């Protein structure tokens, strides 16, 4: 992923994927807990989000750091 912006609200990354093919985005961390788009904490230590991109349509996911992770 390419970092496209950094400001006081956080960081933005861009990932280009093939259109019209299933894709899964997996996030993993034992250092932090992520809160997903619904506001619920992502299943620690990893979370997967499946989607299929359509040509000409951007797909946006927003995650926030909600606290320290749990070392294993």
PDB file of N, CA and C in Angstrom:
ATOM      1  N   UNK A   1       0.842  -1.170   0.000  1.00  0.00           N
ATOM      2  CA  UNK A   1       0.000   0.000   0.000  1.00  0.00           C
ATOM      3  C   UNK A   1       0.882   1.226   0.000  1.00  0.00           C
ATOM      4  N   UNK A   2       0.388   2.228  -0.649  1.00  0.00           N
ATOM      5  CA  UNK A   2       1.119   3.495  -0.743  1.00  0.00           C
ATOM      6  C   UNK A   2       0.484   4.507   0.204  1.00  0.00           C
ATOM      7  N   UNK A   3       1.314   5.152   1.035  1.00  0.00           N
ATOM      8  CA  UNK A   3       0.842   6.195   1.933  1.00  0.00           C
ATOM      9  C   UNK A   3       0.577   7.439   1.092  1.00  0.00           C
ATOM     10  N   UNK A   4      -0.691   7.916   1.096  1.00  0.00           N
ATOM     11  CA  UNK A   4      -1.044   9.058   0.255  1.00  0.00           C
ATOM     12  C   UNK A   4      -1.228  10.354   1.026  1.00  0.00           C
ATOM     13  N   UNK A   5      -1.398  10.268   2.358  1.00  0.00           N
ATOM     14  CA  UNK A   5      -1.578  11.496   3.144  1.00  0.00           C
ATOM     15  C   UNK A   5      -1.325  11.219   4.618  1.00  0.00           C
ATOM     16  N   UNK A   6      -0.825  12.239   5.314  1.00  0.00           N
ATOM     17  CA  UNK A   6      -0.626  12.189   6.759  1.00  0.00           C
ATOM     18  C   UNK A   6      -1.033  13.551   7.302  1.00  0.00           C
ATOM     19  N   UNK A   7      -1.928  13.555   8.300  1.00  0.00           N
ATOM     20  CA  UNK A   7      -2.297  14.792   8.969  1.00  0.00           C
ATOM     21  C   UNK A   7      -2.686  14.474  10.405  1.00  0.00           C
ATOM     22  N   UNK A   8      -3.221  15.447  11.126  1.00  0.00           N
ATOM     23  CA  UNK A   8      -3.554  15.226  12.533  1.00  0.00           C
ATOM     24  C   UNK A   8      -4.679  14.195  12.715  1.00  0.00           C
ATOM     25  N   UNK A   9      -5.442  13.915  11.668  1.00  0.00           N
ATOM     26  CA  UNK A   9      -6.523  12.934  11.754  1.00  0.00           C
ATOM     27  C   UNK A   9      -6.022  11.507  11.527  1.00  0.00           C
ATOM     28  N   UNK A  10      -4.814  11.350  10.986  1.00  0.00           N
ATOM     29  CA  UNK A  10      -4.276  10.011  10.765  1.00  0.00           C
ATOM     30  C   UNK A  10      -3.526   9.899   9.445  1.00  0.00           C
ATOM     31  N   UNK A  11      -3.536   8.708   8.888  1.00  0.00           N
ATOM     32  CA  UNK A  11      -2.828   8.407   7.651  1.00  0.00           C
ATOM     33  C   UNK A  11      -3.793   7.800   6.645  1.00  0.00           C
ATOM     34  N   UNK A  12      -3.566   8.056   5.384  1.00  0.00           N
ATOM     35  CA  UNK A  12      -4.360   7.466   4.308  1.00  0.00           C
ATOM     36  C   UNK A  12      -3.439   6.631   3.437  1.00  0.00           C
ATOM     37  N   UNK A  13      -3.905   5.462   3.071  1.00  0.00           N
ATOM     38  CA  UNK A  13      -3.153   4.562   2.205  1.00  0.00           C
ATOM     39  C   UNK A  13      -4.005   4.203   1.002  1.00  0.00           C
ATOM     40  N   UNK A  14      -3.360   3.938  -0.113  1.00  0.00           N
ATOM     41  CA  UNK A  14      -4.064   3.546  -1.320  1.00  0.00           C
ATOM     42  C   UNK A  14      -3.527   2.209  -1.803  1.00  0.00           C
ATOM     43  N   UNK A  15      -4.447   1.326  -2.161  1.00  0.00           N
ATOM     44  CA  UNK A  15      -4.107   0.017  -2.679  1.00  0.00           C
ATOM     45  C   UNK A  15      -4.926  -0.194  -3.943  1.00  0.00           C
ATOM     46  N   UNK A  16      -4.277  -0.502  -5.033  1.00  0.00           N
ATOM     47  CA  UNK A  16      -4.968  -0.730  -6.295  1.00  0.00           C
ATOM     48  C   UNK A  16      -5.184  -2.229  -6.454  1.00  0.00           C
ATOM     49  N   UNK A  17      -6.447  -2.620  -6.688  1.00  0.00           N
ATOM     50  CA  UNK A  17      -6.801  -4.035  -6.871  1.00  0.00           C
ATOM     51  C   UNK A  17      -7.523  -4.200  -8.202  1.00  0.00           C
ATOM     52  N   UNK A  18      -7.539  -5.422  -8.700  1.00  0.00           N
ATOM     53  CA  UNK A  18      -8.222  -5.723  -9.957  1.00  0.00           C
ATOM     54  C   UNK A  18      -9.733  -5.589  -9.773  1.00  0.00           C
ATOM     55  N   UNK A  19     -10.387  -4.968 -10.761  1.00  0.00           N
ATOM     56  CA  UNK A  19     -11.840  -4.822 -10.717  1.00  0.00           C
ATOM     57  C   UNK A  19     -12.508  -6.146 -11.063  1.00  0.00           C
ATOM     58  N   UNK A  20     -13.683  -6.346 -10.509  1.00  0.00           N
ATOM     59  CA  UNK A  20     -14.530  -7.504 -10.796  1.00  0.00           C
ATOM     60  C   UNK A  20     -13.920  -8.838 -10.383  1.00  0.00           C
ATOM     61  N   UNK A  21     -12.999  -8.821  -9.405  1.00  0.00           N
ATOM     62  CA  UNK A  21     -12.433 -10.052  -8.851  1.00  0.00           C
ATOM     63  C   UNK A  21     -12.533  -9.964  -7.336  1.00  0.00           C
ATOM     64  N   UNK A  22     -12.926 -11.048  -6.674  1.00  0.00           N
ATOM     65  CA  UNK A  22     -13.016 -11.025  -5.216  1.00  0.00           C
ATOM     66  C   UNK A  22     -11.665 -10.666  -4.579  1.00  0.00           C
ATOM     67  N   UNK A  23     -11.706  -9.915  -3.490  1.00  0.00           N
ATOM     68  CA  UNK A  23     -10.500  -9.465  -2.807  1.00  0.00           C
ATOM     69  C   UNK A  23     -10.780  -9.437  -1.312  1.00  0.00           C
ATOM     70  N   UNK A  24      -9.808  -9.830  -0.508  1.00  0.00           N
ATOM     71  CA  UNK A  24      -9.924  -9.752   0.954  1.00  0.00           C
ATOM     72  C   UNK A  24      -8.806  -8.886   1.493  1.00  0.00           C
ATOM     73  N   UNK A  25      -9.163  -7.927   2.318  1.00  0.00           N
ATOM     74  CA  UNK A  25      -8.211  -7.052   2.989  1.00  0.00           C
ATOM     75  C   UNK A  25      -8.082  -7.562   4.411  1.00  0.00           C
ATOM     76  N   UNK A  26      -6.860  -7.938   4.823  1.00  0.00           N
ATOM     77  CA  UNK A  26      -6.606  -8.438   6.179  1.00  0.00           C
ATOM     78  C   UNK A  26      -5.718  -7.464   6.928  1.00  0.00           C
ATOM     79  N   UNK A  27      -6.096  -7.141   8.138  1.00  0.00           N
ATOM     80  CA  UNK A  27      -5.303  -6.287   9.021  1.00  0.00           C
ATOM     81  C   UNK A  27      -4.879  -7.122  10.214  1.00  0.00           C
ATOM     82  N   UNK A  28      -3.628  -6.960  10.636  1.00  0.00           N
ATOM     83  CA  UNK A  28      -3.098  -7.754  11.742  1.00  0.00           C
ATOM     84  C   UNK A  28      -2.183  -6.890  12.596  1.00  0.00           C
ATOM     85  N   UNK A  29      -2.379  -6.927  13.898  1.00  0.00           N
ATOM     86  CA  UNK A  29      -1.471  -6.240  14.813  1.00  0.00           C
ATOM     87  C   UNK A  29      -1.643  -6.789  16.218  1.00  0.00           C
ATOM     88  N   UNK A  30      -0.527  -7.022  16.903  1.00  0.00           N
ATOM     89  CA  UNK A  30      -0.572  -7.351  18.325  1.00  0.00           C
ATOM     90  C   UNK A  30      -0.217  -6.117  19.154  1.00  0.00           C
ATOM     91  N   UNK A  31       0.147  -5.013  18.488  1.00  0.00           N
ATOM     92  CA  UNK A  31       0.552  -3.791  19.175  1.00  0.00           C
ATOM     93  C   UNK A  31      -0.611  -2.837  19.439  1.00  0.00           C
ATOM     94  N   UNK A  32      -1.640  -2.870  18.582  1.00  0.00           N
ATOM     95  CA  UNK A  32      -2.763  -1.947  18.714  1.00  0.00           C
ATOM     96  C   UNK A  32      -4.084  -2.696  18.485  1.00  0.00           C
ATOM     97  N   UNK A  33      -5.176  -2.107  18.955  1.00  0.00           N
ATOM     98  CA  UNK A  33      -6.525  -2.610  18.685  1.00  0.00           C
ATOM     99  C   UNK A  33      -7.157  -1.645  17.687  1.00  0.00           C
ATOM    100  N   UNK A  34      -7.709  -2.190  16.611  1.00  0.00           N
ATOM    101  CA  UNK A  34      -8.338  -1.366  15.591  1.00  0.00           C
ATOM    102  C   UNK A  34      -9.853  -1.396  15.726  1.00  0.00           C
ATOM    103  N   UNK A  35     -10.468  -0.232  15.545  1.00  0.00           N
ATOM    104  CA  UNK A  35     -11.912  -0.122  15.493  1.00  0.00           C
ATOM    105  C   UNK A  35     -12.294   0.004  14.036  1.00  0.00           C
ATOM    106  N   UNK A  36     -13.194  -0.847  13.575  1.00  0.00           N
ATOM    107  CA  UNK A  36     -13.580  -0.885  12.174  1.00  0.00           C
ATOM    108  C   UNK A  36     -14.636   0.132  11.815  1.00  0.00           C
ATOM    109  N   UNK A  37     -15.090   0.093  10.566  1.00  0.00           N
ATOM    110  CA  UNK A  37     -16.077   1.069  10.071  1.00  0.00           C
ATOM    111  C   UNK A  37     -17.376   1.098  10.881  1.00  0.00           C
ATOM    112  N   UNK A  38     -17.775  -0.020  11.486  1.00  0.00           N
ATOM    113  CA  UNK A  38     -19.020  -0.067  12.266  1.00  0.00           C
ATOM    114  C   UNK A  38     -18.851   0.515  13.664  1.00  0.00           C
ATOM    115  N   UNK A  39     -17.592   0.787  14.068  1.00  0.00           N
ATOM    116  CA  UNK A  39     -17.315   1.291  15.410  1.00  0.00           C
ATOM    117  C   UNK A  39     -16.946   0.197  16.391  1.00  0.00           C
ATOM    118  N   UNK A  40     -17.093  -1.056  15.974  1.00  0.00           N
ATOM    119  CA  UNK A  40     -16.743  -2.180  16.839  1.00  0.00           C
ATOM    120  C   UNK A  40     -15.269  -2.527  16.673  1.00  0.00           C
ATOM    121  N   UNK A  41     -14.666  -3.004  17.745  1.00  0.00           N
ATOM    122  CA  UNK A  41     -13.265  -3.410  17.675  1.00  0.00           C
ATOM    123  C   UNK A  41     -13.131  -4.595  16.731  1.00  0.00           C
ATOM    124  N   UNK A  42     -12.099  -4.558  15.898  1.00  0.00           N
ATOM    125  CA  UNK A  42     -11.824  -5.667  14.997  1.00  0.00           C
ATOM    126  C   UNK A  42     -11.394  -6.865  15.832  1.00  0.00           C
ATOM    127  N   UNK A  43     -11.715  -8.047  15.377  1.00  0.00           N
ATOM    128  CA  UNK A  43     -11.340  -9.263  16.096  1.00  0.00           C
ATOM    129  C   UNK A  43      -9.829  -9.336  16.235  1.00  0.00           C
ATOM    130  N   UNK A  44      -9.340  -9.302  17.465  1.00  0.00           N
ATOM    131  CA  UNK A  44      -7.903  -9.299  17.702  1.00  0.00           C
ATOM    132  C   UNK A  44      -7.329 -10.691  17.471  1.00  0.00           C
ATOM    133  N   UNK A  45      -6.132 -10.829  16.979  1.00  0.00           N
ATOM    134  CA  UNK A  45      -5.279  -9.742  16.509  1.00  0.00           C
ATOM    135  C   UNK A  45      -5.448  -9.444  15.019  1.00  0.00           C
ATOM    136  N   UNK A  46      -6.412 -10.082  14.337  1.00  0.00           N
ATOM    137  CA  UNK A  46      -6.568  -9.818  12.914  1.00  0.00           C
ATOM    138  C   UNK A  46      -8.034  -9.690  12.544  1.00  0.00           C
ATOM    139  N   UNK A  47      -8.283  -9.042  11.419  1.00  0.00           N
ATOM    140  CA  UNK A  47      -9.643  -8.889  10.917  1.00  0.00           C
ATOM    141  C   UNK A  47      -9.587  -8.892   9.402  1.00  0.00           C
ATOM    142  N   UNK A  48     -10.558  -9.519   8.792  1.00  0.00           N
ATOM    143  CA  UNK A  48     -10.615  -9.587   7.339  1.00  0.00           C
ATOM    144  C   UNK A  48     -11.884  -8.945   6.817  1.00  0.00           C
ATOM    145  N   UNK A  49     -11.766  -8.308   5.674  1.00  0.00           N
ATOM    146  CA  UNK A  49     -12.892  -7.627   5.054  1.00  0.00           C
ATOM    147  C   UNK A  49     -12.905  -8.016   3.576  1.00  0.00           C
ATOM    148  N   UNK A  50     -13.918  -8.753   3.158  1.00  0.00           N
ATOM    149  CA  UNK A  50     -14.011  -9.212   1.781  1.00  0.00           C
ATOM    150  C   UNK A  50     -14.876  -8.244   0.981  1.00  0.00           C
ATOM    151  N   UNK A  51     -14.470  -7.971  -0.245  1.00  0.00           N
ATOM    152  CA  UNK A  51     -15.260  -7.131  -1.138  1.00  0.00           C
ATOM    153  C   UNK A  51     -14.860  -7.415  -2.571  1.00  0.00           C
ATOM    154  N   UNK A  52     -15.627  -6.884  -3.483  1.00  0.00           N
ATOM    155  CA  UNK A  52     -15.301  -6.998  -4.902  1.00  0.00           C
ATOM    156  C   UNK A  52     -15.413  -5.607  -5.495  1.00  0.00           C
ATOM    157  N   UNK A  53     -14.312  -5.100  -6.008  1.00  0.00           N
ATOM    158  CA  UNK A  53     -14.281  -3.762  -6.585  1.00  0.00           C
ATOM    159  C   UNK A  53     -14.969  -3.763  -7.949  1.00  0.00           C
ATOM    160  N   UNK A  54     -15.608  -2.651  -8.263  1.00  0.00           N
ATOM    161  CA  UNK A  54     -16.206  -2.463  -9.578  1.00  0.00           C
ATOM    162  C   UNK A  54     -15.393  -1.417 -10.324  1.00  0.00           C
ATOM    163  N   UNK A  55     -15.253  -1.595 -11.619  1.00  0.00           N
ATOM    164  CA  UNK A  55     -14.493  -0.644 -12.433  1.00  0.00           C
ATOM    165  C   UNK A  55     -15.052   0.768 -12.260  1.00  0.00           C
ATOM    166  N   UNK A  56     -14.161   1.719 -12.008  1.00  0.00           N
ATOM    167  CA  UNK A  56     -14.554   3.117 -11.869  1.00  0.00           C
ATOM    168  C   UNK A  56     -15.141   3.489 -10.523  1.00  0.00           C
ATOM    169  N   UNK A  57     -15.180   2.563  -9.565  1.00  0.00           N
ATOM    170  CA  UNK A  57     -15.733   2.833  -8.242  1.00  0.00           C
ATOM    171  C   UNK A  57     -14.648   2.690  -7.180  1.00  0.00           C
ATOM    172  N   UNK A  58     -14.488   3.691  -6.349  1.00  0.00           N
ATOM    173  CA  UNK A  58     -13.545   3.611  -5.241  1.00  0.00           C
ATOM    174  C   UNK A  58     -14.211   2.907  -4.064  1.00  0.00           C
ATOM    175  N   UNK A  59     -13.450   2.138  -3.332  1.00  0.00           N
ATOM    176  CA  UNK A  59     -13.928   1.462  -2.119  1.00  0.00           C
ATOM    177  C   UNK A  59     -13.129   2.047  -0.971  1.00  0.00           C
ATOM    178  N   UNK A  60     -13.791   2.533   0.062  1.00  0.00           N
ATOM    179  CA  UNK A  60     -13.104   3.183   1.170  1.00  0.00           C
ATOM    180  C   UNK A  60     -13.392   2.445   2.471  1.00  0.00           C
ATOM    181  N   UNK A  61     -12.344   2.193   3.260  1.00  0.00           N
ATOM    182  CA  UNK A  61     -12.447   1.599   4.584  1.00  0.00           C
ATOM    183  C   UNK A  61     -11.775   2.548   5.558  1.00  0.00           C
ATOM    184  N   UNK A  62     -12.387   2.768   6.690  1.00  0.00           N
ATOM    185  CA  UNK A  62     -11.810   3.642   7.711  1.00  0.00           C
ATOM    186  C   UNK A  62     -11.644   2.841   9.010  1.00  0.00           C
ATOM    187  N   UNK A  63     -10.444   2.888   9.568  1.00  0.00           N
ATOM    188  CA  UNK A  63     -10.138   2.197  10.813  1.00  0.00           C
ATOM    189  C   UNK A  63      -9.471   3.184  11.750  1.00  0.00           C
ATOM    190  N   UNK A  64      -9.716   3.023  13.044  1.00  0.00           N
ATOM    191  CA  UNK A  64      -9.106   3.888  14.045  1.00  0.00           C
ATOM    192  C   UNK A  64      -8.383   3.024  15.067  1.00  0.00           C
ATOM    193  N   UNK A  65      -7.306   3.551  15.626  1.00  0.00           N
ATOM    194  CA  UNK A  65      -6.608   2.874  16.715  1.00  0.00           C
ATOM    195  C   UNK A  65      -7.398   3.176  17.978  1.00  0.00           C
ATOM    196  N   UNK A  66      -7.895   2.122  18.656  1.00  0.00           N
ATOM    197  CA  UNK A  66      -8.731   2.340  19.832  1.00  0.00           C
ATOM    198  C   UNK A  66      -8.020   2.010  21.143  1.00  0.00           C
ATOM    199  N   UNK A  67      -6.801   1.499  21.060  1.00  0.00           N
ATOM    200  CA  UNK A  67      -6.079   1.215  22.287  1.00  0.00           C
ATOM    201  C   UNK A  67      -4.904   0.307  22.050  1.00  0.00           C
ATOM    202  N   UNK A  68      -4.164   0.003  23.100  1.00  0.00           N
ATOM    203  CA  UNK A  68      -3.008  -0.888  22.958  1.00  0.00           C
ATOM    204  C   UNK A  68      -3.471  -2.322  22.735  1.00  0.00           C
ATOM    205  N   UNK A  69      -2.656  -3.076  22.040  1.00  0.00           N
ATOM    206  CA  UNK A  69      -2.948  -4.489  21.802  1.00  0.00           C
ATOM    207  C   UNK A  69      -2.538  -5.350  22.972  1.00  0.00           C
ATOM    208  N   UNK A  70      -2.720  -6.631  22.803  1.00  0.00           N
ATOM    209  CA  UNK A  70      -2.362  -7.571  23.852  1.00  0.00           C
ATOM    210  C   UNK A  70      -1.238  -8.453  23.347  1.00  0.00           C
ATOM    211  N   UNK A  71      -0.078  -8.332  23.938  1.00  0.00           N
ATOM    212  CA  UNK A  71       1.074  -9.149  23.529  1.00  0.00           C
ATOM    213  C   UNK A  71       0.746 -10.615  23.749  1.00  0.00           C
ATOM    214  N   UNK A  72       1.230 -11.435  22.833  1.00  0.00           N
ATOM    215  CA  UNK A  72       0.952 -12.865  22.925  1.00  0.00           C
ATOM    216  C   UNK A  72       2.156 -13.633  23.355  1.00  0.00           C
TER     217      UNK A  72
END
